Structure formats: structure tokens, C-alpha cells
Amino acid sequence: MRRRKHGLACLLVMLLVVTILGGCGSGNNEGTTVEPDSSSSSVTPSQEATTNPEDEKPVELVFWNYPVWNLPDQKPGEYAQTLIEKFEKKYPNVKVKLEIIPYDGGDQKVNVALASKTAPDILNDSPGRTTSYAKRGYTVPLNDLLTEEQLKKIPQNVLEKVTLQDGTIFSYPQGLGATLMVINKSLVERAGAADLLPSGELRTWTIEQFEKLLVAVREYQKKETPDHYPFLMFGLNEQGDALYHSFMAGFGGKRYSDDRTQSTFSSTENVQAVEWFKSLIDKQLVYPNPETRAAGMSNDYFVQEKTAVAFGGFSLLNAVQKAKDEGAIKGEFEAILAPFPSVKEDQGVVIGGGGQFVIFDNGDENKIKYAKKFIQFAQTEDPDFIKAMNAFDVYGRDTLGANPDPEKLWLSKLVTDTEHIIAIDGSYDIEGYSQTRAVFFPEMQAVFIGAKEPLQAMQDYDEKANKIIKDAIASKK
């Protein structure tokens, strides 16, 4: 069931077809979104409250979220508190305590909380991590929250991402976006390298072109800001490992065997990608010592104009705009999106993604009841929710509007082109996947510091990852 034959690009094709076809009647797109239609509501008559919420006993929920979700005038993560205030107004007996957790070490924090029985009631995160929690039995099944109407609207590949093999829906699908490359076009132009920017309808570009752009910007930075570098690589921990996976795909590499039981990181194409990463360090085209740098630094460096290219999406574009509005960015700073480069001129790579809610089973039925109400409220009652996610709606509601943002409109076209755009495999269905991530970054660190050659590092990784996968498969029998 969970094997992806066509990849996430096909998923986004279905998603965006229904989004675009329905996207003509929202009027002015500034500060508003289309109201959810009644068929999208997941509250059935049997689930509606039969008593006044004020008469119910007090409930306190703990909600953990990463620094995501923001409306145009907010910082990343700020919208979560706005959502909570709206929910608490409807349910005055409920208090929701929000904690924004960092990307760096976030998964470890959740796992420690699960092991010590101090997990939050609600978590918003991607299936790349939540699938592991669900497989270990920590999450509450959410099948009862999705109506037949909703299930009909959700593309099958989306549903598969949040469903275990036994049919349990462990996460509430609420939106999908894409992570790709964000480029400071203005900085590249000042460096005299405008001709190296990705062009054409899909903005596809080659690995060679990307490196030439880094070289040109670095030469400019040496004169103007010598302590700056055009690109930031990171390897402090597993956060942001999709950056390296994306470039591997650009080199033509596959990370797993077709039967999903073997790691293939030591393939010729993947090793070529790792050799290239090391060459960028040696050529001083990226910040030195990436093994000491966290993925969370990437956005900050880009907004501060310390890099010309970053790993991100619409949240990063919004952060740039907010910095402009607040006066932190003084000069010209036009940011554009582009797919990851490839060895093929007419091919690009993107990462499909988007957060989804999970509810942890903390043994309190009343908390579970209101945790379910909270995630339903977000998805079906707050019209700003999808807009704050900077995502496309899985239920087919318009998120583009009558006057769409040019970059979002461009992305909607990009991800519908399955001939030229590769959406990398999320690998959520790989048994032991979260544990394999934990043994990947030490091998990359070894390459970065010159302790291992790329081939040896990837062979060592495959050996460790394959043992994890084998043991995980055996434990299910």
C-alpha cells in the first residue's frame, strides 16, 4: 500500500489540479482566504457538543510545534498562538499551552518525552518523524475525524503518508508544500552573475551552473564582505538531511532499493554527490566547518544576507519580507524560488512536505477529546489556517486567490510537471527510518573533516542503516 510508484510529484499533481481549478472566486487575496465549504467539515452530528463548553470541567492541553506557520505580518510560529486564542474563545474550559520546539534536537526531545511519559497532547510535525511515533504505538487513531467526503477529496498518496499498514490514520492531513532553493537574486545580480540564475519556465539548472554561481558570488563577497560565503551546508545533527538527499537525487542517485529493504547510499551517483559536497568545502564556496553548524542557521544567514542561496520555501520568503517591513533589510533584496539543480539541464528536484497533527495517547480521554476538537477547529473552522501554513490544501480549497503571489503561482506550475521535476522520496515507509537518520550525519561529519573518503563513509552508512532496517523488519514478525 505504501510503496510510491510515481513519487510525491504525482501527489502534488492531483493536489494542485483540484486547487487551481477551484481557485477563481476568492476576491482580494490580501489577508483573507476562502472559507471552508461545509463538505470539508469533519464534525459529524454525533461528535457535536451536547453541553455548553463552559459547563464542562477545565482541561489543559500541551501543544508542541516547530517554528512554522505565520501570516504575512508574523514571525515563523507566531500564528500558532493566534490559533490557540481563537480555539480557547470557543471552548473557554480549555487552556492550550504552546511550546515552540527547535528543529535542532526536536525529534530527540519528543522521543525523550515519550519515553518518560511527559509527551505533549498535540504535536505538529511531518510524517518523516511522526510515522515512527505511530509505529511504536504512541499516537491516537484519527480515523473517526475524517468524514467520507474528506476521504474522497484527499489524494490517495497523501492519505498513504499518514496511514499505517493496518489502516490506522495516525495523523490529520492538513496541507502540503514544497521545500526547494531560495535565491537572493539581487545579491547574485550585484555579483555580476545574473546570467547564471536559473531561467526558463521551470527555472531548472545544472549542478555545474549552480557551482559557477557560487564561485561568482564568493569572488564578489571577498571584496565586499569577506567573512560571508554564498552557501551554508550543515551537519551538526540529522535535521536538514534532506538537503543532501535532494542533491543526491540531482546527481541521479536512489537511496533505497525498489523493495524498500536496502539502503543504497553507496551507489556511484550518491558517492559522486558526497564528493561534490566535500569539494565545495575545499574550494571555500560554503561556510567552513559545516559539521558544527545547525540547519536552523540557514534561514537566519539568508535573511541577514550572509548567503546567496538557501534551503527553504515560502516561510523563508515571508521572513525576508518581514525583515524588509521592519527595516532590518535596507537595500534591494529580491528573493526567488528554484528547484534543486540536476546533472540534466531540463530536470529539477523538490522536496514535498508539510506538517500534520498527531495526538499522543497520554491516557486521559477528556484531553484526547479536546485535542481532537483542536485539530478539527484548525482545519475546518479557521480560514487563516492553510494560509498560515504556506501550503496547498489537500481538500481542494483555493489557496491561490484571484491575485496570487507570483512565486506561489510559479510553484503550482512547477510541481505539476512530472516530466521534468523529481519529488524526492520521503522514505517514511522505510522500517527504522528515524534511526537510520541518526547514523547518517556522523558519516557526513567524517567526510567534512576529512576523516573518511566519501565512498567509505557511504559504505559504512549502508552497513549501519541496513542492520537497522533488517532488525526493524524482524521485530514486526
Protein backbone atom coordinates (compact mmCIF):
# COMPACT_ATOMS: atom_id res chain seq x y z
CA MET A 1 0.00 0.00 0.00
CA ARG A 2 2.69 2.45 1.00
CA ARG A 3 5.03 1.94 -1.89
CA ARG A 4 5.20 5.05 -4.05
CA LYS A 5 5.27 4.23 -7.73
CA HIS A 6 5.06 7.74 -9.02
CA GLY A 7 6.58 9.75 -6.18
CA LEU A 8 5.40 12.84 -4.46
CA ALA A 9 5.26 14.82 -7.67
CA CYS A 10 2.19 12.86 -8.73
CA LEU A 11 0.69 13.51 -5.34
CA LEU A 12 1.10 17.22 -5.85
CA VAL A 13 -0.30 16.99 -9.38
CA MET A 14 -3.58 15.72 -8.01
CA LEU A 15 -3.47 18.20 -5.18
CA LEU A 16 -2.83 21.21 -7.35
CA VAL A 17 -5.24 20.29 -10.10
CA VAL A 18 -8.12 20.49 -7.67
CA THR A 19 -6.62 23.58 -6.06
CA ILE A 20 -6.14 25.51 -9.30
CA LEU A 21 -9.45 24.53 -10.86
CA GLY A 22 -11.26 25.82 -7.81
CA GLY A 23 -9.21 28.98 -7.46
CA CYS A 24 -11.11 31.75 -9.22
CA GLY A 25 -13.58 33.18 -6.76
CA SER A 26 -11.81 34.38 -3.63
CA GLY A 27 -11.64 38.08 -4.46
CA ASN A 28 -8.79 40.10 -2.99
CA ASN A 29 -6.14 37.78 -1.58
CA GLU A 30 -4.72 40.26 0.90
CA GLY A 31 -5.31 38.98 4.43
CA THR A 32 -8.11 36.58 3.56
CA THR A 33 -8.63 33.04 2.39
CA VAL A 34 -11.62 31.13 1.11
CA GLU A 35 -13.95 29.95 3.82
CA PRO A 36 -14.01 26.15 4.17
CA ASP A 37 -17.02 24.63 2.45
CA SER A 38 -19.45 22.65 4.53
CA SER A 39 -18.47 19.37 2.92
CA SER A 40 -14.94 19.77 4.29
CA SER A 41 -16.13 19.88 7.88
CA SER A 42 -15.10 16.79 9.77
CA VAL A 43 -17.56 17.20 12.64
CA THR A 44 -20.40 14.73 12.46
CA PRO A 45 -23.65 15.15 14.43
CA SER A 46 -22.53 12.51 16.89
CA GLN A 47 -19.35 14.46 17.58
CA GLU A 48 -21.00 17.84 18.20
CA ALA A 49 -21.02 19.04 21.78
CA THR A 50 -24.30 18.35 23.57
CA THR A 51 -23.42 20.61 26.51
CA ASN A 52 -22.16 24.15 26.85
CA PRO A 53 -18.33 24.10 26.91
CA GLU A 54 -18.46 26.49 29.87
CA ASP A 55 -20.22 23.79 31.88
CA GLU A 56 -17.50 21.22 31.23
CA LYS A 57 -14.59 20.68 33.59
CA PRO A 58 -11.35 22.55 32.91
CA VAL A 59 -8.87 20.94 30.56
CA GLU A 60 -5.26 21.89 29.90
CA LEU A 61 -3.63 20.72 26.69
CA VAL A 62 0.05 20.92 25.82
CA PHE A 63 0.81 21.64 22.16
CA TRP A 64 4.29 21.39 20.68
CA ASN A 65 5.02 22.95 17.33
CA TYR A 66 8.14 23.77 15.36
CA PRO A 67 8.73 27.42 14.31
CA VAL A 68 6.34 27.16 11.39
CA TRP A 69 3.04 28.82 10.46
CA ASN A 70 2.90 32.54 10.01
CA LEU A 71 0.67 35.09 8.37
CA PRO A 72 2.44 37.81 6.35
CA ASP A 73 2.87 40.13 9.34
CA GLN A 74 4.04 37.45 11.77
CA LYS A 75 7.24 35.65 12.64
CA PRO A 76 7.51 31.91 11.91
CA GLY A 77 5.50 30.08 14.56
CA GLU A 78 3.59 33.14 15.72
CA TYR A 79 0.30 32.09 14.15
CA ALA A 80 0.08 29.05 16.46
CA GLN A 81 -0.70 31.36 19.39
CA THR A 82 -3.31 33.17 17.29
CA LEU A 83 -4.97 29.83 16.56
CA ILE A 84 -4.96 28.90 20.24
CA GLU A 85 -6.64 32.16 21.23
CA LYS A 86 -9.44 31.54 18.72
CA PHE A 87 -9.91 27.98 19.97
CA GLU A 88 -9.97 28.99 23.64
CA LYS A 89 -12.61 31.59 22.88
CA LYS A 90 -14.90 28.85 21.53
CA TYR A 91 -14.01 26.41 24.32
CA PRO A 92 -13.48 28.55 27.44
CA ASN A 93 -12.97 25.49 29.63
CA VAL A 94 -9.82 24.60 27.68
CA LYS A 95 -6.37 26.13 28.03
CA VAL A 96 -3.73 25.24 25.47
CA LYS A 97 -0.11 25.64 26.49
CA LEU A 98 2.10 26.22 23.45
CA GLU A 99 5.76 25.34 23.26
CA ILE A 100 7.74 26.11 20.12
CA ILE A 101 10.45 23.47 19.89
CA PRO A 102 13.62 23.88 17.79
CA TYR A 103 14.36 21.89 14.67
CA ASP A 104 17.75 21.05 16.10
CA GLY A 105 17.13 18.27 18.60
CA GLY A 106 13.36 18.45 18.26
CA ASP A 107 12.93 14.78 17.41
CA GLN A 108 15.17 13.80 20.32
CA LYS A 109 13.13 15.99 22.65
CA VAL A 110 9.92 14.29 21.55
CA ASN A 111 11.39 10.81 21.93
CA VAL A 112 12.67 11.59 25.43
CA ALA A 113 9.22 12.91 26.37
CA LEU A 114 7.55 9.78 25.01
CA ALA A 115 9.91 7.51 26.94
CA SER A 116 9.38 9.46 30.17
CA LYS A 117 5.60 9.74 29.72
CA THR A 118 5.78 13.55 29.55
CA ALA A 119 4.82 13.92 25.89
CA PRO A 120 2.58 16.78 24.77
CA ASP A 121 -1.05 16.12 23.94
CA ILE A 122 -0.68 17.53 20.41
CA LEU A 123 2.28 17.73 18.06
CA ASN A 124 2.53 19.24 14.60
CA ASP A 125 5.27 17.65 12.52
CA SER A 126 5.96 15.85 9.27
CA PRO A 127 5.34 12.13 8.67
CA GLY A 128 9.11 11.73 8.42
CA ARG A 129 9.15 11.69 12.20
CA THR A 130 5.56 11.05 13.28
CA THR A 131 5.37 7.76 11.39
CA SER A 132 7.94 6.37 13.81
CA TYR A 133 5.92 7.51 16.82
CA ALA A 134 2.80 5.89 15.41
CA LYS A 135 4.52 2.61 14.61
CA ARG A 136 5.63 2.40 18.24
CA GLY A 137 2.07 2.85 19.46
CA TYR A 138 2.28 6.34 20.94
CA THR A 139 -0.39 8.08 18.85
CA VAL A 140 -4.19 8.14 18.93
CA PRO A 141 -6.01 6.79 15.83
CA LEU A 142 -7.79 9.61 14.00
CA ASN A 143 -9.95 7.62 11.57
CA ASP A 144 -13.08 8.91 13.31
CA LEU A 145 -12.23 12.54 12.49
CA LEU A 146 -12.25 12.21 8.72
CA THR A 147 -15.63 12.06 7.00
CA GLU A 148 -16.34 10.16 3.82
CA GLU A 149 -16.47 13.49 1.96
CA GLN A 150 -12.99 14.40 3.17
CA LEU A 151 -11.58 10.98 2.35
CA LYS A 152 -12.87 11.31 -1.20
CA LYS A 153 -11.08 14.64 -1.63
CA ILE A 154 -7.70 13.62 -0.21
CA PRO A 155 -5.33 12.32 -2.92
CA GLN A 156 -4.52 8.67 -2.25
CA ASN A 157 -0.79 9.26 -1.93
CA VAL A 158 -1.43 11.92 0.70
CA LEU A 159 -3.56 9.53 2.71
CA GLU A 160 -0.95 6.79 2.44
CA LYS A 161 1.63 9.07 4.08
CA VAL A 162 -0.46 9.27 7.26
CA THR A 163 -1.82 5.72 7.35
CA LEU A 164 -0.21 2.63 8.85
CA GLN A 165 -0.35 -0.68 7.05
CA ASP A 166 -3.24 -1.83 9.26
CA GLY A 167 -5.35 1.12 8.06
CA THR A 168 -4.88 3.32 11.13
CA ILE A 169 -4.83 7.01 10.25
CA PHE A 170 -2.35 8.37 12.78
CA SER A 171 -2.02 11.95 11.54
CA TYR A 172 -4.54 14.52 10.35
CA PRO A 173 -3.66 15.57 6.78
CA GLN A 174 -3.91 19.33 6.58
CA GLY A 175 -1.74 20.70 3.81
CA LEU A 176 1.27 20.13 1.62
CA GLY A 177 4.00 22.40 0.44
CA ALA A 178 7.42 22.03 -1.09
CA THR A 179 10.95 22.76 0.04
CA LEU A 180 13.39 23.84 -2.60
CA MET A 181 16.04 26.51 -3.10
CA VAL A 182 15.62 30.19 -2.28
CA ILE A 183 17.96 32.61 -4.07
CA ASN A 184 18.87 36.20 -3.25
CA LYS A 185 18.50 37.36 -6.83
CA SER A 186 19.62 40.88 -6.00
CA LEU A 187 22.89 39.70 -4.46
CA VAL A 188 23.61 37.46 -7.44
CA GLU A 189 22.99 40.39 -9.78
CA ARG A 190 25.31 42.64 -7.77
CA ALA A 191 27.95 39.94 -8.15
CA GLY A 192 27.58 40.20 -11.92
CA ALA A 193 26.25 36.66 -12.20
CA ALA A 194 22.69 37.26 -13.38
CA ASP A 195 23.35 35.05 -16.39
CA LEU A 196 23.90 32.12 -14.02
CA LEU A 197 20.48 32.38 -12.36
CA PRO A 198 18.11 29.53 -13.21
CA SER A 199 15.85 30.57 -16.07
CA GLY A 200 13.12 29.18 -18.26
CA GLU A 201 9.56 28.40 -17.27
CA LEU A 202 10.59 25.86 -14.63
CA ARG A 203 13.90 27.53 -13.65
CA THR A 204 15.76 24.24 -13.94
CA TRP A 205 19.54 24.45 -13.79
CA THR A 206 22.56 22.20 -13.68
CA ILE A 207 24.95 21.30 -10.85
CA GLU A 208 27.72 22.97 -12.87
CA GLN A 209 25.69 26.18 -13.26
CA PHE A 210 24.91 26.21 -9.53
CA GLU A 211 28.60 25.89 -8.65
CA LYS A 212 29.57 28.64 -11.10
CA LEU A 213 27.03 30.90 -9.40
CA LEU A 214 28.63 30.14 -6.02
CA VAL A 215 32.08 30.96 -7.43
CA ALA A 216 30.91 34.31 -8.82
CA VAL A 217 29.18 35.35 -5.61
CA ARG A 218 32.16 34.28 -3.50
CA GLU A 219 34.51 36.44 -5.58
CA TYR A 220 32.19 39.39 -5.02
CA GLN A 221 31.94 38.67 -1.29
CA LYS A 222 35.73 38.54 -0.92
CA LYS A 223 35.78 42.22 -1.89
CA GLU A 224 32.64 43.43 -0.13
CA THR A 225 32.01 41.09 2.82
CA PRO A 226 35.00 38.71 3.13
CA ASP A 227 33.56 36.82 6.11
CA HIS A 228 30.47 35.84 4.11
CA TYR A 229 30.04 32.78 1.88
CA PRO A 230 27.42 32.12 -0.80
CA PHE A 231 26.01 28.91 0.70
CA LEU A 232 25.66 27.23 4.10
CA MET A 233 25.96 23.47 4.49
CA PHE A 234 25.18 21.97 7.89
CA GLY A 235 25.82 18.67 9.63
CA LEU A 236 25.51 19.14 13.38
CA ASN A 237 22.70 16.58 13.52
CA GLU A 238 20.12 14.87 11.35
CA GLN A 239 17.99 17.99 10.93
CA GLY A 240 18.12 19.19 7.34
CA ASP A 241 19.50 15.93 5.93
CA ALA A 242 17.03 16.30 3.06
CA LEU A 243 19.37 18.97 1.67
CA TYR A 244 21.91 16.27 0.89
CA HIS A 245 19.26 13.79 -0.25
CA SER A 246 18.00 16.37 -2.76
CA PHE A 247 21.40 16.91 -4.31
CA MET A 248 21.89 13.14 -4.44
CA ALA A 249 18.70 12.93 -6.48
CA GLY A 250 20.06 15.70 -8.68
CA PHE A 251 23.08 13.52 -9.38
CA GLY A 252 20.70 10.71 -10.34
CA GLY A 253 21.03 8.72 -7.12
CA LYS A 254 18.48 6.49 -5.39
CA ARG A 255 18.66 6.00 -1.65
CA TYR A 256 16.78 2.71 -1.26
CA SER A 257 16.20 -0.48 -3.21
CA ASP A 258 12.93 -0.93 -5.07
CA ASP A 259 11.65 -3.38 -2.45
CA ARG A 260 12.34 -0.79 0.30
CA THR A 261 14.54 -3.13 2.35
CA GLN A 262 18.07 -1.97 1.48
CA SER A 263 19.94 1.32 1.78
CA THR A 264 21.83 2.23 -1.41
CA PHE A 265 23.65 5.41 -0.39
CA SER A 266 26.95 3.98 -1.61
CA SER A 267 25.79 3.93 -5.24
CA THR A 268 28.05 5.64 -7.76
CA GLU A 269 25.71 8.63 -8.16
CA ASN A 270 25.28 9.20 -4.43
CA VAL A 271 29.01 8.98 -3.79
CA GLN A 272 29.61 11.50 -6.58
CA ALA A 273 27.25 13.86 -4.78
CA VAL A 274 29.12 13.45 -1.48
CA GLU A 275 32.45 14.02 -3.25
CA TRP A 276 30.99 17.23 -4.66
CA PHE A 277 29.85 18.39 -1.19
CA LYS A 278 33.40 17.94 0.08
CA SER A 279 34.77 19.85 -2.92
CA LEU A 280 32.60 22.87 -2.06
CA ILE A 281 34.22 22.96 1.38
CA ASP A 282 37.71 22.61 -0.06
CA LYS A 283 37.04 25.39 -2.60
CA GLN A 284 35.72 27.66 0.18
CA LEU A 285 32.37 28.13 -1.55
CA VAL A 286 30.44 27.31 1.64
CA TYR A 287 30.89 28.30 5.26
CA PRO A 288 33.73 26.32 6.84
CA ASN A 289 33.18 23.52 9.35
CA PRO A 290 29.64 22.50 8.36
CA GLU A 291 29.88 19.69 10.91
CA THR A 292 29.50 22.35 13.63
CA ARG A 293 26.59 24.19 12.03
CA ALA A 294 22.90 23.52 12.61
CA ALA A 295 20.22 23.55 9.93
CA GLY A 296 18.39 26.32 11.76
CA MET A 297 21.22 28.73 10.92
CA SER A 298 20.40 28.56 7.21
CA ASN A 299 17.32 30.79 7.33
CA ASP A 300 18.98 33.34 9.61
CA TYR A 301 22.04 33.65 7.38
CA PHE A 302 19.90 34.11 4.30
CA VAL A 303 17.71 36.84 5.82
CA GLN A 304 20.86 38.57 7.09
CA GLU A 305 22.25 38.46 3.51
CA LYS A 306 25.16 36.30 4.61
CA THR A 307 24.34 33.74 1.90
CA ALA A 308 23.06 33.94 -1.65
CA VAL A 309 21.27 30.59 -1.73
CA ALA A 310 19.39 28.71 0.99
CA PHE A 311 17.32 25.62 1.60
CA GLY A 312 13.69 26.63 2.20
CA GLY A 313 10.36 27.73 0.82
CA PHE A 314 7.57 30.24 1.40
CA SER A 315 8.25 30.63 5.10
CA LEU A 316 11.70 31.92 4.22
CA LEU A 317 10.27 34.31 1.62
CA ASN A 318 7.90 35.60 4.30
CA ALA A 319 10.80 36.04 6.73
CA VAL A 320 12.62 38.15 4.15
CA GLN A 321 9.55 40.31 3.62
CA LYS A 322 9.08 40.77 7.35
CA ALA A 323 12.71 41.85 7.73
CA LYS A 324 12.12 44.41 4.97
CA ASP A 325 8.98 45.72 6.67
CA GLU A 326 10.80 46.07 9.99
CA GLY A 327 13.73 47.88 8.39
CA ALA A 328 16.27 45.13 9.07
CA ILE A 329 16.90 44.85 5.32
CA LYS A 330 17.83 48.23 3.90
CA GLY A 331 18.84 47.64 0.31
CA GLU A 332 17.45 45.73 -2.65
CA PHE A 333 16.66 42.11 -1.78
CA GLU A 334 14.52 40.18 -4.24
CA ALA A 335 14.21 36.51 -3.31
CA ILE A 336 13.08 33.87 -5.78
CA LEU A 337 12.46 30.12 -5.67
CA ALA A 338 14.11 27.45 -7.80
CA PRO A 339 14.28 23.66 -7.81
CA PHE A 340 17.44 21.92 -6.70
CA PRO A 341 19.86 21.59 -9.62
CA SER A 342 20.50 18.39 -11.54
CA VAL A 343 23.15 16.93 -13.80
CA LYS A 344 20.49 17.14 -16.53
CA GLU A 345 19.71 20.58 -17.95
CA ASP A 346 15.94 20.15 -18.10
CA GLN A 347 15.45 18.41 -14.76
CA GLY A 348 14.95 19.74 -11.25
CA VAL A 349 14.35 18.36 -7.76
CA VAL A 350 11.96 19.42 -4.98
CA ILE A 351 11.07 18.05 -1.56
CA GLY A 352 7.37 17.56 -0.97
CA GLY A 353 6.27 18.11 2.58
CA GLY A 354 4.03 19.76 5.11
CA GLY A 355 3.20 19.29 8.76
CA GLN A 356 0.36 17.24 10.12
CA PHE A 357 -1.12 16.96 13.59
CA VAL A 358 -0.75 13.90 15.78
CA ILE A 359 -2.29 13.31 19.19
CA PHE A 360 -0.30 11.37 21.76
CA ASP A 361 -2.14 8.89 23.95
CA ASN A 362 -1.49 10.15 27.46
CA GLY A 363 -4.28 8.07 28.98
CA ASP A 364 -6.73 10.93 29.56
CA GLU A 365 -9.86 10.51 27.45
CA ASN A 366 -11.05 14.05 28.12
CA LYS A 367 -7.75 15.51 26.92
CA ILE A 368 -7.90 13.32 23.83
CA LYS A 369 -11.45 14.54 23.20
CA TYR A 370 -10.42 18.20 23.22
CA ALA A 371 -7.17 17.57 21.39
CA LYS A 372 -9.28 16.18 18.56
CA LYS A 373 -11.51 19.24 18.71
CA PHE A 374 -8.44 21.45 18.49
CA ILE A 375 -7.08 19.90 15.30
CA GLN A 376 -10.57 19.85 13.76
CA PHE A 377 -11.02 23.50 14.66
CA ALA A 378 -7.75 24.45 12.97
CA GLN A 379 -8.52 22.61 9.76
CA THR A 380 -12.24 23.21 9.36
CA GLU A 381 -13.12 26.42 11.22
CA ASP A 382 -10.22 28.86 10.94
CA PRO A 383 -9.97 30.25 7.39
CA ASP A 384 -6.44 31.57 8.05
CA PHE A 385 -5.00 28.17 8.89
CA ILE A 386 -3.97 26.99 5.41
CA LYS A 387 -2.70 30.46 4.58
CA ALA A 388 -0.52 30.42 7.70
CA MET A 389 0.83 27.02 6.69
CA ASN A 390 2.03 28.44 3.37
CA ALA A 391 0.76 25.22 1.86
CA PHE A 392 -1.63 23.89 -0.73
CA ASP A 393 -4.88 22.48 0.64
CA VAL A 394 -5.36 18.72 0.42
CA TYR A 395 -9.15 19.13 0.33
CA GLY A 396 -9.14 21.17 -2.86
CA ARG A 397 -9.93 24.60 -1.42
CA ASP A 398 -8.41 27.61 -3.13
CA THR A 399 -5.15 28.85 -1.65
CA LEU A 400 -4.00 30.92 -4.63
CA GLY A 401 -6.75 33.51 -4.78
CA ALA A 402 -7.68 35.91 -7.55
CA ASN A 403 -4.36 37.78 -7.21
CA PRO A 404 -1.89 35.02 -6.39
CA ASP A 405 1.64 35.59 -5.20
CA PRO A 406 3.84 35.19 -8.32
CA GLU A 407 6.19 32.73 -6.62
CA LYS A 408 3.34 30.57 -5.32
CA LEU A 409 1.74 30.58 -8.76
CA TRP A 410 5.09 29.57 -10.28
CA LEU A 411 5.43 26.74 -7.77
CA SER A 412 1.95 25.48 -8.59
CA LYS A 413 3.12 25.08 -12.19
CA LEU A 414 6.45 23.58 -11.22
CA VAL A 415 5.08 20.71 -9.17
CA THR A 416 2.56 19.71 -11.81
CA ASP A 417 5.36 18.95 -14.27
CA THR A 418 6.21 15.33 -13.51
CA GLU A 419 8.31 15.01 -16.66
CA HIS A 420 10.97 17.49 -15.59
CA ILE A 421 10.62 17.72 -11.82
CA ILE A 422 11.60 14.96 -9.40
CA ALA A 423 9.95 14.95 -5.98
CA ILE A 424 12.31 13.04 -3.72
CA ASP A 425 11.03 10.02 -1.87
CA GLY A 426 10.27 10.86 1.74
CA SER A 427 11.18 7.31 2.81
CA TYR A 428 8.63 7.38 5.63
CA ASP A 429 7.70 3.78 4.96
CA ILE A 430 11.26 2.50 5.46
CA GLU A 431 11.31 0.40 8.62
CA GLY A 432 13.59 2.01 11.20
CA TYR A 433 13.80 5.19 9.14
CA SER A 434 14.19 7.63 12.04
CA GLN A 435 17.04 5.55 13.45
CA THR A 436 18.78 5.48 10.07
CA ARG A 437 18.75 9.27 10.03
CA ALA A 438 20.67 9.29 13.30
CA VAL A 439 23.59 7.36 11.78
CA PHE A 440 23.75 9.40 8.57
CA PHE A 441 25.07 12.71 9.85
CA PRO A 442 28.12 11.23 11.69
CA GLU A 443 29.25 9.80 8.35
CA MET A 444 28.78 13.18 6.68
CA GLN A 445 30.73 14.80 9.51
CA ALA A 446 33.57 12.35 8.89
CA VAL A 447 33.64 13.41 5.23
CA PHE A 448 33.52 17.11 6.08
CA ILE A 449 36.56 16.91 8.39
CA GLY A 450 38.48 14.61 6.05
CA ALA A 451 38.41 11.58 8.36
CA LYS A 452 36.79 9.38 5.70
CA GLU A 453 36.63 9.30 1.95
CA PRO A 454 33.06 9.69 0.58
CA LEU A 455 32.85 6.10 -0.67
CA GLN A 456 33.96 4.64 2.66
CA ALA A 457 31.55 6.88 4.57
CA MET A 458 28.58 5.86 2.45
CA GLN A 459 29.53 2.17 2.62
CA ASP A 460 29.75 2.43 6.40
CA TYR A 461 26.40 4.18 6.47
CA ASP A 462 24.77 1.50 4.32
CA GLU A 463 26.08 -1.20 6.65
CA LYS A 464 24.62 0.53 9.72
CA ALA A 465 21.35 1.50 8.03
CA ASN A 466 20.76 -1.96 6.61
CA LYS A 467 21.19 -3.52 10.05
CA ILE A 468 18.66 -1.05 11.46
CA ILE A 469 16.19 -1.81 8.67
CA LYS A 470 16.69 -5.57 8.99
CA ASP A 471 16.21 -5.51 12.77
CA ALA A 472 13.12 -3.30 12.44
CA ILE A 473 11.56 -5.67 9.92
CA ALA A 474 12.38 -8.70 12.09
CA SER A 475 10.84 -7.09 15.19
CA LYS A 476 7.48 -6.88 13.42
CA LYS A 477 7.28 -10.62 12.72
